[in-house]
Amino acid sequence: MSFLFVGLGGAVGAMLRYAISLIPYKGDFPVLTLLTNILGAMMIGFIVGTASKKNMPDNLMLFLKTGLCGGFTTFSTFSLEAYNLFNSGSCILAICYALLSVVLCIAGIWAGMMISTVVVKG
């Protein structure tokens, strides 16, 4: 049964990721993937922060954390875009993208956990 919760969450996450990719944007810097990964980091931070205060059922955690966040975030896309930037000679842009992705996603986890402290009363 747990596979069903992961699969359903993954489907929802993938659809949300696709919806963000439809936002019109022209430019060399992969802003939409960066945005998706930051939002995903904030979501998983919020989920973990909430779970530390509330007793969340295992299936809900599988749906939200493994399924939804796993289907929503885009590490493979991030990796391909960073590679393509390096490969096209945009080394500075590739390094900025990689650094921003790591730093802002870690900050996103922190922000999600802080938001959960305000929103969820334990």
PDB file of N, CA and C in Angstrom:
ATOM      1  N   MET A   1       0.823  -1.199   0.000  1.00  0.00           N
ATOM      2  CA  MET A   1       0.000   0.000   0.000  1.00  0.00           C
ATOM      3  C   MET A   1       0.864   1.260   0.000  1.00  0.00           C
ATOM      4  N   SER A   2       2.040   1.198   0.640  1.00  0.00           N
ATOM      5  CA  SER A   2       2.893   2.385   0.712  1.00  0.00           C
ATOM      6  C   SER A   2       3.345   2.837  -0.674  1.00  0.00           C
ATOM      7  N   PHE A   3       3.529   1.894  -1.602  1.00  0.00           N
ATOM      8  CA  PHE A   3       3.917   2.262  -2.965  1.00  0.00           C
ATOM      9  C   PHE A   3       2.855   3.143  -3.624  1.00  0.00           C
ATOM     10  N   LEU A   4       1.608   2.888  -3.304  1.00  0.00           N
ATOM     11  CA  LEU A   4       0.510   3.680  -3.860  1.00  0.00           C
ATOM     12  C   LEU A   4       0.601   5.133  -3.403  1.00  0.00           C
ATOM     13  N   PHE A   5       0.903   5.348  -2.131  1.00  0.00           N
ATOM     14  CA  PHE A   5       1.022   6.713  -1.602  1.00  0.00           C
ATOM     15  C   PHE A   5       2.212   7.450  -2.230  1.00  0.00           C
ATOM     16  N   VAL A   6       3.332   6.742  -2.381  1.00  0.00           N
ATOM     17  CA  VAL A   6       4.502   7.346  -3.020  1.00  0.00           C
ATOM     18  C   VAL A   6       4.181   7.671  -4.476  1.00  0.00           C
ATOM     19  N   GLY A   7       3.543   6.739  -5.178  1.00  0.00           N
ATOM     20  CA  GLY A   7       3.207   6.950  -6.590  1.00  0.00           C
ATOM     21  C   GLY A   7       2.233   8.096  -6.804  1.00  0.00           C
ATOM     22  N   LEU A   8       1.214   8.184  -5.959  1.00  0.00           N
ATOM     23  CA  LEU A   8       0.240   9.274  -6.079  1.00  0.00           C
ATOM     24  C   LEU A   8       0.899  10.622  -5.797  1.00  0.00           C
ATOM     25  N   GLY A   9       1.721  10.670  -4.744  1.00  0.00           N
ATOM     26  CA  GLY A   9       2.436  11.914  -4.436  1.00  0.00           C
ATOM     27  C   GLY A   9       3.392  12.289  -5.558  1.00  0.00           C
ATOM     28  N   GLY A  10       4.081  11.291  -6.116  1.00  0.00           N
ATOM     29  CA  GLY A  10       5.003  11.548  -7.219  1.00  0.00           C
ATOM     30  C   GLY A  10       4.283  12.100  -8.443  1.00  0.00           C
ATOM     31  N   ALA A  11       3.101  11.577  -8.722  1.00  0.00           N
ATOM     32  CA  ALA A  11       2.324  12.067  -9.865  1.00  0.00           C
ATOM     33  C   ALA A  11       1.922  13.525  -9.660  1.00  0.00           C
ATOM     34  N   VAL A  12       1.462  13.851  -8.467  1.00  0.00           N
ATOM     35  CA  VAL A  12       1.074  15.236  -8.164  1.00  0.00           C
ATOM     36  C   VAL A  12       2.300  16.149  -8.264  1.00  0.00           C
ATOM     37  N   GLY A  13       3.425  15.715  -7.690  1.00  0.00           N
ATOM     38  CA  GLY A  13       4.646  16.511  -7.742  1.00  0.00           C
ATOM     39  C   GLY A  13       5.125  16.740  -9.163  1.00  0.00           C
ATOM     40  N   ALA A  14       5.069  15.695  -9.989  1.00  0.00           N
ATOM     41  CA  ALA A  14       5.500  15.823 -11.386  1.00  0.00           C
ATOM     42  C   ALA A  14       4.595  16.785 -12.159  1.00  0.00           C
ATOM     43  N   MET A  15       3.301  16.734 -11.885  1.00  0.00           N
ATOM     44  CA  MET A  15       2.376  17.658 -12.561  1.00  0.00           C
ATOM     45  C   MET A  15       2.633  19.102 -12.131  1.00  0.00           C
ATOM     46  N   LEU A  16       2.921  19.302 -10.849  1.00  0.00           N
ATOM     47  CA  LEU A  16       3.246  20.653 -10.383  1.00  0.00           C
ATOM     48  C   LEU A  16       4.541  21.159 -11.023  1.00  0.00           C
ATOM     49  N   ARG A  17       5.540  20.279 -11.124  1.00  0.00           N
ATOM     50  CA  ARG A  17       6.804  20.654 -11.761  1.00  0.00           C
ATOM     51  C   ARG A  17       6.563  21.034 -13.214  1.00  0.00           C
ATOM     52  N   TYR A  18       5.752  20.253 -13.904  1.00  0.00           N
ATOM     53  CA  TYR A  18       5.450  20.550 -15.304  1.00  0.00           C
ATOM     54  C   TYR A  18       4.727  21.888 -15.427  1.00  0.00           C
ATOM     55  N   ALA A  19       3.810  22.170 -14.500  1.00  0.00           N
ATOM     56  CA  ALA A  19       3.080  23.446 -14.532  1.00  0.00           C
ATOM     57  C   ALA A  19       4.050  24.619 -14.424  1.00  0.00           C
ATOM     58  N   ILE A  20       5.056  24.503 -13.558  1.00  0.00           N
ATOM     59  CA  ILE A  20       6.043  25.584 -13.439  1.00  0.00           C
ATOM     60  C   ILE A  20       6.845  25.725 -14.725  1.00  0.00           C
ATOM     61  N   SER A  21       7.132  24.603 -15.387  1.00  0.00           N
ATOM     62  CA  SER A  21       7.911  24.673 -16.631  1.00  0.00           C
ATOM     63  C   SER A  21       7.155  25.378 -17.750  1.00  0.00           C
ATOM     64  N   LEU A  22       5.857  25.528 -17.595  1.00  0.00           N
ATOM     65  CA  LEU A  22       5.042  26.211 -18.612  1.00  0.00           C
ATOM     66  C   LEU A  22       5.045  27.732 -18.452  1.00  0.00           C
ATOM     67  N   ILE A  23       5.624  28.230 -17.361  1.00  0.00           N
ATOM     68  CA  ILE A  23       5.715  29.681 -17.156  1.00  0.00           C
ATOM     69  C   ILE A  23       6.613  30.249 -18.253  1.00  0.00           C
ATOM     70  N   PRO A  24       6.125  31.239 -18.984  1.00  0.00           N
ATOM     71  CA  PRO A  24       6.947  31.783 -20.076  1.00  0.00           C
ATOM     72  C   PRO A  24       8.223  32.438 -19.543  1.00  0.00           C
ATOM     73  N   TYR A  25       9.354  31.967 -20.031  1.00  0.00           N
ATOM     74  CA  TYR A  25      10.637  32.534 -19.635  1.00  0.00           C
ATOM     75  C   TYR A  25      11.630  32.323 -20.768  1.00  0.00           C
ATOM     76  N   LYS A  26      12.315  33.369 -21.133  1.00  0.00           N
ATOM     77  CA  LYS A  26      13.371  33.294 -22.145  1.00  0.00           C
ATOM     78  C   LYS A  26      14.665  33.755 -21.493  1.00  0.00           C
ATOM     79  N   GLY A  27      15.682  32.976 -21.620  1.00  0.00           N
ATOM     80  CA  GLY A  27      16.964  33.360 -21.054  1.00  0.00           C
ATOM     81  C   GLY A  27      17.875  32.148 -20.954  1.00  0.00           C
ATOM     82  N   ASP A  28      19.143  32.424 -20.767  1.00  0.00           N
ATOM     83  CA  ASP A  28      20.128  31.348 -20.684  1.00  0.00           C
ATOM     84  C   ASP A  28      20.168  30.702 -19.301  1.00  0.00           C
ATOM     85  N   PHE A  29      19.845  31.456 -18.273  1.00  0.00           N
ATOM     86  CA  PHE A  29      19.926  30.939 -16.908  1.00  0.00           C
ATOM     87  C   PHE A  29      18.668  30.134 -16.597  1.00  0.00           C
ATOM     88  N   PRO A  30      18.798  28.900 -16.103  1.00  0.00           N
ATOM     89  CA  PRO A  30      17.642  28.035 -15.840  1.00  0.00           C
ATOM     90  C   PRO A  30      16.871  28.431 -14.577  1.00  0.00           C
ATOM     91  N   VAL A  31      16.202  29.567 -14.635  1.00  0.00           N
ATOM     92  CA  VAL A  31      15.494  30.133 -13.488  1.00  0.00           C
ATOM     93  C   VAL A  31      14.369  29.224 -12.997  1.00  0.00           C
ATOM     94  N   LEU A  32      13.626  28.625 -13.913  1.00  0.00           N
ATOM     95  CA  LEU A  32      12.462  27.838 -13.497  1.00  0.00           C
ATOM     96  C   LEU A  32      12.870  26.568 -12.746  1.00  0.00           C
ATOM     97  N   THR A  33      13.955  25.934 -13.154  1.00  0.00           N
ATOM     98  CA  THR A  33      14.436  24.755 -12.420  1.00  0.00           C
ATOM     99  C   THR A  33      14.946  25.165 -11.053  1.00  0.00           C
ATOM    100  N   LEU A  34      15.671  26.273 -10.998  1.00  0.00           N
ATOM    101  CA  LEU A  34      16.164  26.783  -9.715  1.00  0.00           C
ATOM    102  C   LEU A  34      14.985  27.086  -8.791  1.00  0.00           C
ATOM    103  N   LEU A  35      13.974  27.755  -9.309  1.00  0.00           N
ATOM    104  CA  LEU A  35      12.777  28.073  -8.531  1.00  0.00           C
ATOM    105  C   LEU A  35      12.093  26.802  -8.034  1.00  0.00           C
ATOM    106  N   THR A  36      11.951  25.829  -8.906  1.00  0.00           N
ATOM    107  CA  THR A  36      11.318  24.559  -8.533  1.00  0.00           C
ATOM    108  C   THR A  36      12.081  23.885  -7.405  1.00  0.00           C
ATOM    109  N   ASN A  37      13.395  23.851  -7.511  1.00  0.00           N
ATOM    110  CA  ASN A  37      14.191  23.189  -6.473  1.00  0.00           C
ATOM    111  C   ASN A  37      14.153  23.947  -5.149  1.00  0.00           C
ATOM    112  N   ILE A  38      14.122  25.262  -5.194  1.00  0.00           N
ATOM    113  CA  ILE A  38      14.017  26.051  -3.952  1.00  0.00           C
ATOM    114  C   ILE A  38      12.651  25.825  -3.304  1.00  0.00           C
ATOM    115  N   LEU A  39      11.599  25.862  -4.111  1.00  0.00           N
ATOM    116  CA  LEU A  39      10.254  25.599  -3.576  1.00  0.00           C
ATOM    117  C   LEU A  39      10.165  24.190  -2.998  1.00  0.00           C
ATOM    118  N   GLY A  40      10.766  23.219  -3.684  1.00  0.00           N
ATOM    119  CA  GLY A  40      10.766  21.845  -3.187  1.00  0.00           C
ATOM    120  C   GLY A  40      11.510  21.720  -1.872  1.00  0.00           C
ATOM    121  N   ALA A  41      12.621  22.436  -1.758  1.00  0.00           N
ATOM    122  CA  ALA A  41      13.378  22.424  -0.503  1.00  0.00           C
ATOM    123  C   ALA A  41      12.552  23.048   0.616  1.00  0.00           C
ATOM    124  N   MET A  42      11.865  24.140   0.314  1.00  0.00           N
ATOM    125  CA  MET A  42      11.008  24.764   1.324  1.00  0.00           C
ATOM    126  C   MET A  42       9.872  23.818   1.727  1.00  0.00           C
ATOM    127  N   MET A  43       9.301  23.122   0.737  1.00  0.00           N
ATOM    128  CA  MET A  43       8.213  22.188   1.033  1.00  0.00           C
ATOM    129  C   MET A  43       8.685  21.068   1.953  1.00  0.00           C
ATOM    130  N   ILE A  44       9.832  20.459   1.635  1.00  0.00           N
ATOM    131  CA  ILE A  44      10.290  19.340   2.455  1.00  0.00           C
ATOM    132  C   ILE A  44      10.704  19.828   3.846  1.00  0.00           C
ATOM    133  N   GLY A  45      11.243  21.040   3.918  1.00  0.00           N
ATOM    134  CA  GLY A  45      11.551  21.625   5.227  1.00  0.00           C
ATOM    135  C   GLY A  45      10.295  21.835   6.046  1.00  0.00           C
ATOM    136  N   PHE A  46       9.252  22.329   5.403  1.00  0.00           N
ATOM    137  CA  PHE A  46       7.971  22.540   6.077  1.00  0.00           C
ATOM    138  C   PHE A  46       7.379  21.206   6.538  1.00  0.00           C
ATOM    139  N   ILE A  47       7.443  20.206   5.688  1.00  0.00           N
ATOM    140  CA  ILE A  47       6.891  18.882   6.017  1.00  0.00           C
ATOM    141  C   ILE A  47       7.636  18.272   7.204  1.00  0.00           C
ATOM    142  N   VAL A  48       8.958  18.319   7.162  1.00  0.00           N
ATOM    143  CA  VAL A  48       9.756  17.761   8.262  1.00  0.00           C
ATOM    144  C   VAL A  48       9.541  18.558   9.543  1.00  0.00           C
ATOM    145  N   GLY A  49       9.486  19.891   9.419  1.00  0.00           N
ATOM    146  CA  GLY A  49       9.235  20.731  10.590  1.00  0.00           C
ATOM    147  C   GLY A  49       7.876  20.454  11.194  1.00  0.00           C
ATOM    148  N   THR A  50       6.869  20.257  10.360  1.00  0.00           N
ATOM    149  CA  THR A  50       5.525  19.952  10.832  1.00  0.00           C
ATOM    150  C   THR A  50       5.485  18.570  11.475  1.00  0.00           C
ATOM    151  N   ALA A  51       6.137  17.608  10.840  1.00  0.00           N
ATOM    152  CA  ALA A  51       6.138  16.238  11.364  1.00  0.00           C
ATOM    153  C   ALA A  51       6.818  16.154  12.719  1.00  0.00           C
ATOM    154  N   SER A  52       7.753  17.067  12.986  1.00  0.00           N
ATOM    155  CA  SER A  52       8.424  17.038  14.289  1.00  0.00           C
ATOM    156  C   SER A  52       7.502  17.532  15.409  1.00  0.00           C
ATOM    157  N   LYS A  53       6.432  18.246  15.040  1.00  0.00           N
ATOM    158  CA  LYS A  53       5.497  18.774  16.038  1.00  0.00           C
ATOM    159  C   LYS A  53       4.201  17.973  16.106  1.00  0.00           C
ATOM    160  N   LYS A  54       3.811  17.420  14.999  1.00  0.00           N
ATOM    161  CA  LYS A  54       2.555  16.671  14.904  1.00  0.00           C
ATOM    162  C   LYS A  54       2.867  15.227  14.547  1.00  0.00           C
ATOM    163  N   ASN A  55       2.040  14.338  15.006  1.00  0.00           N
ATOM    164  CA  ASN A  55       2.214  12.930  14.676  1.00  0.00           C
ATOM    165  C   ASN A  55       1.578  12.679  13.302  1.00  0.00           C
ATOM    166  N   MET A  56       2.405  12.675  12.256  1.00  0.00           N
ATOM    167  CA  MET A  56       1.895  12.461  10.911  1.00  0.00           C
ATOM    168  C   MET A  56       1.918  10.965  10.590  1.00  0.00           C
ATOM    169  N   PRO A  57       0.850  10.449  10.016  1.00  0.00           N
ATOM    170  CA  PRO A  57       0.828   9.031   9.636  1.00  0.00           C
ATOM    171  C   PRO A  57       1.935   8.729   8.611  1.00  0.00           C
ATOM    172  N   ASP A  58       2.464   7.517   8.680  1.00  0.00           N
ATOM    173  CA  ASP A  58       3.542   7.115   7.778  1.00  0.00           C
ATOM    174  C   ASP A  58       3.159   7.281   6.311  1.00  0.00           C
ATOM    175  N   ASN A  59       1.930   6.909   5.963  1.00  0.00           N
ATOM    176  CA  ASN A  59       1.508   7.020   4.557  1.00  0.00           C
ATOM    177  C   ASN A  59       1.430   8.473   4.095  1.00  0.00           C
ATOM    178  N   LEU A  60       1.065   9.369   4.986  1.00  0.00           N
ATOM    179  CA  LEU A  60       1.046  10.786   4.630  1.00  0.00           C
ATOM    180  C   LEU A  60       2.473  11.292   4.408  1.00  0.00           C
ATOM    181  N   MET A  61       3.391  10.862   5.259  1.00  0.00           N
ATOM    182  CA  MET A  61       4.804  11.232   5.078  1.00  0.00           C
ATOM    183  C   MET A  61       5.340  10.687   3.758  1.00  0.00           C
ATOM    184  N   LEU A  62       4.997   9.456   3.426  1.00  0.00           N
ATOM    185  CA  LEU A  62       5.432   8.887   2.144  1.00  0.00           C
ATOM    186  C   LEU A  62       4.856   9.680   0.976  1.00  0.00           C
ATOM    187  N   PHE A  63       3.568  10.041   1.073  1.00  0.00           N
ATOM    188  CA  PHE A  63       2.925  10.814   0.019  1.00  0.00           C
ATOM    189  C   PHE A  63       3.610  12.176  -0.153  1.00  0.00           C
ATOM    190  N   LEU A  64       3.817  12.882   0.961  1.00  0.00           N
ATOM    191  CA  LEU A  64       4.342  14.248   0.898  1.00  0.00           C
ATOM    192  C   LEU A  64       5.849  14.300   0.638  1.00  0.00           C
ATOM    193  N   LYS A  65       6.612  13.603   1.460  1.00  0.00           N
ATOM    194  CA  LYS A  65       8.072  13.745   1.420  1.00  0.00           C
ATOM    195  C   LYS A  65       8.683  12.965   0.257  1.00  0.00           C
ATOM    196  N   THR A  66       8.403  11.676   0.182  1.00  0.00           N
ATOM    197  CA  THR A  66       9.008  10.843  -0.857  1.00  0.00           C
ATOM    198  C   THR A  66       8.321  11.067  -2.202  1.00  0.00           C
ATOM    199  N   GLY A  67       6.990  11.064  -2.202  1.00  0.00           N
ATOM    200  CA  GLY A  67       6.245  11.190  -3.453  1.00  0.00           C
ATOM    201  C   GLY A  67       6.205  12.606  -3.994  1.00  0.00           C
ATOM    202  N   LEU A  68       5.504  13.493  -3.291  1.00  0.00           N
ATOM    203  CA  LEU A  68       5.294  14.867  -3.768  1.00  0.00           C
ATOM    204  C   LEU A  68       6.616  15.601  -3.983  1.00  0.00           C
ATOM    205  N   CYS A  69       7.449  15.644  -2.958  1.00  0.00           N
ATOM    206  CA  CYS A  69       8.717  16.378  -3.082  1.00  0.00           C
ATOM    207  C   CYS A  69       9.665  15.693  -4.066  1.00  0.00           C
ATOM    208  N   GLY A  70       9.681  14.366  -4.045  1.00  0.00           N
ATOM    209  CA  GLY A  70      10.535  13.634  -4.981  1.00  0.00           C
ATOM    210  C   GLY A  70      10.112  13.839  -6.424  1.00  0.00           C
ATOM    211  N   GLY A  71       8.804  13.865  -6.672  1.00  0.00           N
ATOM    212  CA  GLY A  71       8.305  14.090  -8.027  1.00  0.00           C
ATOM    213  C   GLY A  71       8.405  15.543  -8.462  1.00  0.00           C
ATOM    214  N   PHE A  72       8.443  16.444  -7.506  1.00  0.00           N
ATOM    215  CA  PHE A  72       8.449  17.881  -7.809  1.00  0.00           C
ATOM    216  C   PHE A  72       9.846  18.413  -8.086  1.00  0.00           C
ATOM    217  N   THR A  73      10.820  18.030  -7.276  1.00  0.00           N
ATOM    218  CA  THR A  73      12.159  18.581  -7.455  1.00  0.00           C
ATOM    219  C   THR A  73      12.844  17.943  -8.657  1.00  0.00           C
ATOM    220  N   THR A  74      13.877  18.592  -9.112  1.00  0.00           N
ATOM    221  CA  THR A  74      14.400  18.270 -10.439  1.00  0.00           C
ATOM    222  C   THR A  74      15.921  18.175 -10.455  1.00  0.00           C
ATOM    223  N   PHE A  75      16.484  17.309  -9.627  1.00  0.00           N
ATOM    224  CA  PHE A  75      17.937  17.242  -9.576  1.00  0.00           C
ATOM    225  C   PHE A  75      18.548  16.790 -10.896  1.00  0.00           C
ATOM    226  N   SER A  76      17.903  15.856 -11.578  1.00  0.00           N
ATOM    227  CA  SER A  76      18.461  15.409 -12.859  1.00  0.00           C
ATOM    228  C   SER A  76      18.408  16.534 -13.893  1.00  0.00           C
ATOM    229  N   THR A  77      17.346  17.312 -13.890  1.00  0.00           N
ATOM    230  CA  THR A  77      17.251  18.454 -14.808  1.00  0.00           C
ATOM    231  C   THR A  77      18.298  19.494 -14.453  1.00  0.00           C
ATOM    232  N   PHE A  78      18.457  19.769 -13.164  1.00  0.00           N
ATOM    233  CA  PHE A  78      19.495  20.699 -12.702  1.00  0.00           C
ATOM    234  C   PHE A  78      20.868  20.248 -13.199  1.00  0.00           C
ATOM    235  N   SER A  79      21.163  18.965 -13.047  1.00  0.00           N
ATOM    236  CA  SER A  79      22.467  18.443 -13.461  1.00  0.00           C
ATOM    237  C   SER A  79      22.686  18.604 -14.956  1.00  0.00           C
ATOM    238  N   LEU A  80      21.671  18.295 -15.741  1.00  0.00           N
ATOM    239  CA  LEU A  80      21.777  18.440 -17.198  1.00  0.00           C
ATOM    240  C   LEU A  80      21.967  19.898 -17.590  1.00  0.00           C
ATOM    241  N   GLU A  81      21.220  20.790 -16.963  1.00  0.00           N
ATOM    242  CA  GLU A  81      21.346  22.209 -17.298  1.00  0.00           C
ATOM    243  C   GLU A  81      22.722  22.744 -16.913  1.00  0.00           C
ATOM    244  N   ALA A  82      23.240  22.340 -15.759  1.00  0.00           N
ATOM    245  CA  ALA A  82      24.591  22.762 -15.359  1.00  0.00           C
ATOM    246  C   ALA A  82      25.620  22.217 -16.352  1.00  0.00           C
ATOM    247  N   TYR A  83      25.480  20.965 -16.733  1.00  0.00           N
ATOM    248  CA  TYR A  83      26.381  20.364 -17.719  1.00  0.00           C
ATOM    249  C   TYR A  83      26.329  21.128 -19.043  1.00  0.00           C
ATOM    250  N   ASN A  84      25.108  21.424 -19.495  1.00  0.00           N
ATOM    251  CA  ASN A  84      24.955  22.149 -20.773  1.00  0.00           C
ATOM    252  C   ASN A  84      25.574  23.537 -20.713  1.00  0.00           C
ATOM    253  N   LEU A  85      25.458  24.198 -19.573  1.00  0.00           N
ATOM    254  CA  LEU A  85      26.087  25.513 -19.421  1.00  0.00           C
ATOM    255  C   LEU A  85      27.609  25.380 -19.509  1.00  0.00           C
ATOM    256  N   PHE A  86      28.166  24.403 -18.806  1.00  0.00           N
ATOM    257  CA  PHE A  86      29.616  24.158 -18.892  1.00  0.00           C
ATOM    258  C   PHE A  86      30.016  23.815 -20.328  1.00  0.00           C
ATOM    259  N   ASN A  87      29.271  22.926 -20.939  1.00  0.00           N
ATOM    260  CA  ASN A  87      29.582  22.435 -22.284  1.00  0.00           C
ATOM    261  C   ASN A  87      29.510  23.539 -23.338  1.00  0.00           C
ATOM    262  N   SER A  88      28.642  24.515 -23.120  1.00  0.00           N
ATOM    263  CA  SER A  88      28.511  25.611 -24.079  1.00  0.00           C
ATOM    264  C   SER A  88      29.522  26.727 -23.835  1.00  0.00           C
ATOM    265  N   GLY A  89      30.366  26.552 -22.808  1.00  0.00           N
ATOM    266  CA  GLY A  89      31.388  27.555 -22.526  1.00  0.00           C
ATOM    267  C   GLY A  89      30.977  28.598 -21.510  1.00  0.00           C
ATOM    268  N   SER A  90      29.786  28.480 -20.964  1.00  0.00           N
ATOM    269  CA  SER A  90      29.310  29.437 -19.955  1.00  0.00           C
ATOM    270  C   SER A  90      29.703  28.954 -18.564  1.00  0.00           C
ATOM    271  N   CYS A  91      30.990  28.840 -18.330  1.00  0.00           N
ATOM    272  CA  CYS A  91      31.490  28.248 -17.076  1.00  0.00           C
ATOM    273  C   CYS A  91      31.098  29.073 -15.853  1.00  0.00           C
ATOM    274  N   ILE A  92      31.209  30.388 -15.945  1.00  0.00           N
ATOM    275  CA  ILE A  92      30.855  31.250 -14.804  1.00  0.00           C
ATOM    276  C   ILE A  92      29.371  31.094 -14.479  1.00  0.00           C
ATOM    277  N   LEU A  93      28.527  31.097 -15.507  1.00  0.00           N
ATOM    278  CA  LEU A  93      27.087  30.928 -15.314  1.00  0.00           C
ATOM    279  C   LEU A  93      26.790  29.556 -14.706  1.00  0.00           C
ATOM    280  N   ALA A  94      27.485  28.520 -15.158  1.00  0.00           N
ATOM    281  CA  ALA A  94      27.287  27.167 -14.632  1.00  0.00           C
ATOM    282  C   ALA A  94      27.670  27.094 -13.157  1.00  0.00           C
ATOM    283  N   ILE A  95      28.773  27.703 -12.796  1.00  0.00           N
ATOM    284  CA  ILE A  95      29.220  27.698 -11.399  1.00  0.00           C
ATOM    285  C   ILE A  95      28.241  28.483 -10.531  1.00  0.00           C
ATOM    286  N   CYS A  96      27.803  29.636 -11.020  1.00  0.00           N
ATOM    287  CA  CYS A  96      26.807  30.434 -10.270  1.00  0.00           C
ATOM    288  C   CYS A  96      25.530  29.634 -10.071  1.00  0.00           C
ATOM    289  N   TYR A  97      25.087  28.961 -11.112  1.00  0.00           N
ATOM    290  CA  TYR A  97      23.864  28.161 -11.044  1.00  0.00           C
ATOM    291  C   TYR A  97      24.013  27.045 -10.012  1.00  0.00           C
ATOM    292  N   ALA A  98      25.120  26.327 -10.050  1.00  0.00           N
ATOM    293  CA  ALA A  98      25.337  25.225  -9.114  1.00  0.00           C
ATOM    294  C   ALA A  98      25.408  25.741  -7.674  1.00  0.00           C
ATOM    295  N   LEU A  99      26.155  26.815  -7.460  1.00  0.00           N
ATOM    296  CA  LEU A  99      26.278  27.374  -6.108  1.00  0.00           C
ATOM    297  C   LEU A  99      24.942  27.907  -5.602  1.00  0.00           C
ATOM    298  N   LEU A 100      24.250  28.665  -6.457  1.00  0.00           N
ATOM    299  CA  LEU A 100      22.942  29.190  -6.050  1.00  0.00           C
ATOM    300  C   LEU A 100      21.979  28.058  -5.726  1.00  0.00           C
ATOM    301  N   SER A 101      21.988  27.005  -6.524  1.00  0.00           N
ATOM    302  CA  SER A 101      21.078  25.878  -6.302  1.00  0.00           C
ATOM    303  C   SER A 101      21.326  25.246  -4.935  1.00  0.00           C
ATOM    304  N   VAL A 102      22.578  24.986  -4.621  1.00  0.00           N
ATOM    305  CA  VAL A 102      22.897  24.335  -3.345  1.00  0.00           C
ATOM    306  C   VAL A 102      22.585  25.263  -2.174  1.00  0.00           C
ATOM    307  N   VAL A 103      23.091  26.484  -2.229  1.00  0.00           N
ATOM    308  CA  VAL A 103      22.927  27.411  -1.106  1.00  0.00           C
ATOM    309  C   VAL A 103      21.456  27.782  -0.904  1.00  0.00           C
ATOM    310  N   LEU A 104      20.761  28.125  -1.974  1.00  0.00           N
ATOM    311  CA  LEU A 104      19.362  28.550  -1.828  1.00  0.00           C
ATOM    312  C   LEU A 104      18.444  27.394  -1.447  1.00  0.00           C
ATOM    313  N   CYS A 105      18.761  26.176  -1.887  1.00  0.00           N
ATOM    314  CA  CYS A 105      17.922  25.042  -1.497  1.00  0.00           C
ATOM    315  C   CYS A 105      18.131  24.686  -0.030  1.00  0.00           C
ATOM    316  N   ILE A 106      19.344  24.786   0.464  1.00  0.00           N
ATOM    317  CA  ILE A 106      19.571  24.577   1.897  1.00  0.00           C
ATOM    318  C   ILE A 106      18.856  25.678   2.687  1.00  0.00           C
ATOM    319  N   ALA A 107      18.933  26.907   2.206  1.00  0.00           N
ATOM    320  CA  ALA A 107      18.202  28.008   2.849  1.00  0.00           C
ATOM    321  C   ALA A 107      16.695  27.767   2.768  1.00  0.00           C
ATOM    322  N   GLY A 108      16.245  27.161   1.678  1.00  0.00           N
ATOM    323  CA  GLY A 108      14.826  26.838   1.523  1.00  0.00           C
ATOM    324  C   GLY A 108      14.357  25.835   2.563  1.00  0.00           C
ATOM    325  N   ILE A 109      15.185  24.846   2.857  1.00  0.00           N
ATOM    326  CA  ILE A 109      14.837  23.878   3.909  1.00  0.00           C
ATOM    327  C   ILE A 109      14.705  24.601   5.244  1.00  0.00           C
ATOM    328  N   TRP A 110      15.679  25.450   5.548  1.00  0.00           N
ATOM    329  CA  TRP A 110      15.632  26.220   6.795  1.00  0.00           C
ATOM    330  C   TRP A 110      14.359  27.072   6.835  1.00  0.00           C
ATOM    331  N   ALA A 111      14.059  27.765   5.721  1.00  0.00           N
ATOM    332  CA  ALA A 111      12.874  28.633   5.680  1.00  0.00           C
ATOM    333  C   ALA A 111      11.597  27.819   5.878  1.00  0.00           C
ATOM    334  N   GLY A 112      11.512  26.667   5.234  1.00  0.00           N
ATOM    335  CA  GLY A 112      10.334  25.810   5.403  1.00  0.00           C
ATOM    336  C   GLY A 112      10.151  25.365   6.839  1.00  0.00           C
ATOM    337  N   MET A 113      11.250  25.026   7.485  1.00  0.00           N
ATOM    338  CA  MET A 113      11.167  24.617   8.895  1.00  0.00           C
ATOM    339  C   MET A 113      10.753  25.789   9.781  1.00  0.00           C
ATOM    340  N   MET A 114      11.268  26.987   9.486  1.00  0.00           N
ATOM    341  CA  MET A 114      10.884  28.168  10.265  1.00  0.00           C
ATOM    342  C   MET A 114       9.414  28.499  10.050  1.00  0.00           C
ATOM    343  N   ILE A 115       8.946  28.379   8.821  1.00  0.00           N
ATOM    344  CA  ILE A 115       7.532  28.650   8.525  1.00  0.00           C
ATOM    345  C   ILE A 115       6.651  27.651   9.291  1.00  0.00           C
ATOM    346  N   SER A 116       7.094  26.388   9.335  1.00  0.00           N
ATOM    347  CA  SER A 116       6.285  25.396  10.058  1.00  0.00           C
ATOM    348  C   SER A 116       6.192  25.708  11.540  1.00  0.00           C
ATOM    349  N   THR A 117       7.239  26.344  12.102  1.00  0.00           N
ATOM    350  CA  THR A 117       7.192  26.704  13.532  1.00  0.00           C
ATOM    351  C   THR A 117       6.146  27.783  13.782  1.00  0.00           C
ATOM    352  N   VAL A 118       5.964  28.660  12.821  1.00  0.00           N
ATOM    353  CA  VAL A 118       4.979  29.723  12.977  1.00  0.00           C
ATOM    354  C   VAL A 118       3.570  29.211  12.687  1.00  0.00           C
ATOM    355  N   VAL A 119       3.437  28.401  11.636  1.00  0.00           N
ATOM    356  CA  VAL A 119       2.116  27.960  11.182  1.00  0.00           C
ATOM    357  C   VAL A 119       1.561  26.822  12.035  1.00  0.00           C
ATOM    358  N   VAL A 120       2.411  25.879  12.393  1.00  0.00           N
ATOM    359  CA  VAL A 120       1.960  24.677  13.096  1.00  0.00           C
ATOM    360  C   VAL A 120       2.268  24.828  14.585  1.00  0.00           C
ATOM    361  N   LYS A 121       1.234  24.832  15.354  1.00  0.00           N
ATOM    362  CA  LYS A 121       1.398  24.916  16.805  1.00  0.00           C
ATOM    363  C   LYS A 121       1.570  23.508  17.360  1.00  0.00           C
ATOM    364  N   GLY A 122       2.656  23.277  18.116  1.00  0.00           N
ATOM    365  CA  GLY A 122       2.955  21.916  18.596  1.00  0.00           C
ATOM    366  C   GLY A 122       2.512  21.621  19.959  1.00  0.00           C
TER     367      GLY A 122
END
